[in-house]
């Protein structure tokens, strides 16, 4: 199981005195370098958290598959015996299937989204606007 690195969740501040002015080009480069490292560390933390969730989701999906197989066996047994039970179980199954399809679609779009996995020709404001539209669309469809 993927674990978060020890000490994650907190960040260390490193102050390194520069030989030149705070307003020099070297100071700016150093600041941008540190900022990029911090952003990469946060991205790594988010990826580790996501991996933990995916591993739990994998176990959950396996459990649901086992339950589904058991229900299929039960239905086959009931159909041979001539008894059928529907209603609440069917509604629950429909709701669960809907939720699973939504999660599958979200994961698939994250993994195939060119703006997320590689650099693209879109500018940052266009990417943010696209992300906002997708979010509002998902909220409205719910």
Foldseek 3Di string as FASTA:
>chain_A
DQDDPPPPPDDDDDDDDDPDDCPDPVVVVVVVVVVVVVVVSVVVRVVSVVVVVVVVVVVVVVVVVVVVVVVVVVVVVCVVVVDDDDDPVPVVVVVVVVVVVVVVVVVVCCVPPCVNPHPDPDDPVVVVVVVVVVVVVVVVVD
